[in-house]
Amino acid sequence: MKKLEQLVESLESGTVSLDDLVTKYEEGMRLLKSCQGSLQAAELRIEQLGKRNEGNGQS
């Protein structure tokens, strides 16, 4: 996540060459997809834990 934030700051600075801009954008998109995958996995795990607790009579 920190690397993604650093990339955004670099892109917003306006001091990056066009080639670097494209490279950093591509890297940012890869990092974003990775973060989204991690978030989805965590959400699924939380959902499964909630269902397990409901099945045990817990809330």
N, C-alpha and C. Protein backbone atom coordinates (compact mmCIF):
# COMPACT_ATOMS: atom_id res chain seq x y z
N MET A 1 0.83 -1.19 0.00
CA MET A 1 0.00 0.00 0.00
C MET A 1 0.88 1.26 0.00
N LYS A 2 1.95 1.22 0.79
CA LYS A 2 2.85 2.38 0.87
C LYS A 2 3.47 2.67 -0.50
N LYS A 3 3.85 1.63 -1.21
CA LYS A 3 4.45 1.80 -2.54
C LYS A 3 3.45 2.45 -3.49
N LEU A 4 2.19 2.05 -3.40
CA LEU A 4 1.15 2.64 -4.24
C LEU A 4 0.98 4.12 -3.91
N GLU A 5 1.00 4.46 -2.64
CA GLU A 5 0.89 5.86 -2.23
C GLU A 5 2.07 6.68 -2.76
N GLN A 6 3.27 6.10 -2.72
CA GLN A 6 4.45 6.79 -3.22
C GLN A 6 4.35 7.02 -4.73
N LEU A 7 3.82 6.03 -5.45
CA LEU A 7 3.65 6.18 -6.89
C LEU A 7 2.67 7.31 -7.20
N VAL A 8 1.58 7.36 -6.47
CA VAL A 8 0.59 8.42 -6.70
C VAL A 8 1.21 9.79 -6.45
N GLU A 9 1.96 9.92 -5.37
CA GLU A 9 2.63 11.19 -5.08
C GLU A 9 3.58 11.58 -6.21
N SER A 10 4.31 10.60 -6.71
CA SER A 10 5.26 10.85 -7.80
C SER A 10 4.53 11.30 -9.06
N LEU A 11 3.41 10.64 -9.36
CA LEU A 11 2.64 10.98 -10.55
C LEU A 11 2.04 12.38 -10.42
N GLU A 12 1.59 12.72 -9.23
CA GLU A 12 0.96 14.02 -9.00
C GLU A 12 1.97 15.17 -8.95
N SER A 13 3.23 14.86 -8.78
CA SER A 13 4.24 15.91 -8.64
C SER A 13 4.45 16.69 -9.94
N GLY A 14 4.17 16.06 -11.06
CA GLY A 14 4.34 16.73 -12.34
C GLY A 14 5.78 16.80 -12.82
N THR A 15 6.69 16.15 -12.12
CA THR A 15 8.10 16.20 -12.50
C THR A 15 8.58 14.91 -13.16
N VAL A 16 7.68 14.02 -13.47
CA VAL A 16 8.02 12.71 -14.03
C VAL A 16 7.96 12.79 -15.56
N SER A 17 8.96 12.20 -16.23
CA SER A 17 8.95 12.18 -17.69
C SER A 17 7.80 11.29 -18.18
N LEU A 18 7.44 11.46 -19.43
CA LEU A 18 6.33 10.69 -19.99
C LEU A 18 6.59 9.19 -19.91
N ASP A 19 7.81 8.76 -20.24
CA ASP A 19 8.14 7.34 -20.17
C ASP A 19 8.02 6.82 -18.73
N ASP A 20 8.55 7.59 -17.79
CA ASP A 20 8.45 7.19 -16.38
C ASP A 20 7.00 7.21 -15.92
N LEU A 21 6.24 8.17 -16.41
CA LEU A 21 4.83 8.28 -16.05
C LEU A 21 4.07 7.01 -16.44
N VAL A 22 4.30 6.55 -17.66
CA VAL A 22 3.63 5.34 -18.14
C VAL A 22 4.08 4.13 -17.32
N THR A 23 5.37 4.02 -17.08
CA THR A 23 5.90 2.90 -16.29
C THR A 23 5.32 2.89 -14.88
N LYS A 24 5.29 4.06 -14.25
CA LYS A 24 4.76 4.16 -12.89
C LYS A 24 3.26 3.88 -12.86
N TYR A 25 2.55 4.32 -13.89
CA TYR A 25 1.11 4.05 -13.98
C TYR A 25 0.87 2.55 -14.07
N GLU A 26 1.63 1.88 -14.92
CA GLU A 26 1.48 0.43 -15.06
C GLU A 26 1.77 -0.27 -13.74
N GLU A 27 2.83 0.14 -13.07
CA GLU A 27 3.17 -0.46 -11.78
C GLU A 27 2.07 -0.20 -10.77
N GLY A 28 1.54 1.00 -10.79
CA GLY A 28 0.45 1.35 -9.88
C GLY A 28 -0.78 0.49 -10.11
N MET A 29 -1.10 0.22 -11.36
CA MET A 29 -2.26 -0.62 -11.67
C MET A 29 -2.04 -2.05 -11.18
N ARG A 30 -0.81 -2.56 -11.31
CA ARG A 30 -0.52 -3.90 -10.80
C ARG A 30 -0.66 -3.93 -9.28
N LEU A 31 -0.14 -2.91 -8.62
CA LEU A 31 -0.25 -2.85 -7.16
C LEU A 31 -1.71 -2.71 -6.72
N LEU A 32 -2.48 -1.93 -7.46
CA LEU A 32 -3.90 -1.75 -7.14
C LEU A 32 -4.64 -3.09 -7.23
N LYS A 33 -4.38 -3.84 -8.29
CA LYS A 33 -5.02 -5.15 -8.44
C LYS A 33 -4.63 -6.09 -7.31
N SER A 34 -3.38 -6.04 -6.91
CA SER A 34 -2.92 -6.87 -5.79
C SER A 34 -3.64 -6.48 -4.50
N CYS A 35 -3.74 -5.19 -4.25
CA CYS A 35 -4.44 -4.71 -3.05
C CYS A 35 -5.91 -5.11 -3.08
N GLN A 36 -6.54 -4.99 -4.23
CA GLN A 36 -7.94 -5.37 -4.36
C GLN A 36 -8.13 -6.86 -4.10
N GLY A 37 -7.22 -7.68 -4.60
CA GLY A 37 -7.28 -9.12 -4.36
C GLY A 37 -7.14 -9.44 -2.89
N SER A 38 -6.22 -8.78 -2.22
CA SER A 38 -6.04 -9.00 -0.78
C SER A 38 -7.28 -8.58 -0.01
N LEU A 39 -7.87 -7.46 -0.40
CA LEU A 39 -9.08 -6.98 0.26
C LEU A 39 -10.24 -7.94 0.06
N GLN A 40 -10.41 -8.44 -1.15
CA GLN A 40 -11.48 -9.40 -1.42
C GLN A 40 -11.29 -10.68 -0.62
N ALA A 41 -10.06 -11.15 -0.52
CA ALA A 41 -9.78 -12.36 0.26
C ALA A 41 -10.11 -12.13 1.73
N ALA A 42 -9.76 -10.97 2.26
CA ALA A 42 -10.05 -10.65 3.66
C ALA A 42 -11.56 -10.55 3.88
N GLU A 43 -12.27 -9.92 2.95
CA GLU A 43 -13.72 -9.80 3.08
C GLU A 43 -14.38 -11.17 3.07
N LEU A 44 -13.93 -12.05 2.20
CA LEU A 44 -14.47 -13.40 2.12
C LEU A 44 -14.23 -14.16 3.41
N ARG A 45 -13.04 -14.03 3.94
CA ARG A 45 -12.71 -14.71 5.19
C ARG A 45 -13.58 -14.20 6.33
N ILE A 46 -13.77 -12.89 6.41
CA ILE A 46 -14.62 -12.31 7.46
C ILE A 46 -16.05 -12.79 7.30
N GLU A 47 -16.53 -12.84 6.06
CA GLU A 47 -17.89 -13.32 5.81
C GLU A 47 -18.04 -14.78 6.25
N GLN A 48 -17.05 -15.60 5.94
CA GLN A 48 -17.10 -17.01 6.32
C GLN A 48 -17.07 -17.17 7.83
N LEU A 49 -16.26 -16.37 8.50
CA LEU A 49 -16.21 -16.42 9.97
C LEU A 49 -17.54 -16.01 10.56
N GLY A 50 -18.17 -15.01 9.98
CA GLY A 50 -19.48 -14.57 10.46
C GLY A 50 -20.52 -15.65 10.30
N LYS A 51 -20.51 -16.33 9.17
CA LYS A 51 -21.46 -17.42 8.94
C LYS A 51 -21.21 -18.57 9.90
N ARG A 52 -19.94 -18.85 10.17
CA ARG A 52 -19.59 -19.93 11.09
C ARG A 52 -20.12 -19.60 12.49
N ASN A 53 -19.95 -18.35 12.91
CA ASN A 53 -20.44 -17.94 14.22
C ASN A 53 -21.95 -17.97 14.29
N GLU A 54 -22.64 -17.61 13.21
CA GLU A 54 -24.10 -17.67 13.17
C GLU A 54 -24.56 -19.12 13.29
N GLY A 55 -23.84 -20.02 12.67
CA GLY A 55 -24.18 -21.43 12.74
C GLY A 55 -23.99 -22.01 14.13
N ASN A 56 -23.14 -21.40 14.92
CA ASN A 56 -22.89 -21.84 16.29
C ASN A 56 -23.79 -21.12 17.28
N GLY A 57 -24.72 -20.33 16.79
CA GLY A 57 -25.61 -19.60 17.68
C GLY A 57 -25.00 -18.35 18.26
N GLN A 58 -23.89 -17.91 17.69
CA GLN A 58 -23.24 -16.69 18.16
C GLN A 58 -23.53 -15.56 17.18
N SER A 59 -23.42 -14.33 17.67
CA SER A 59 -23.63 -13.19 16.77
C SER A 59 -22.58 -12.14 16.96
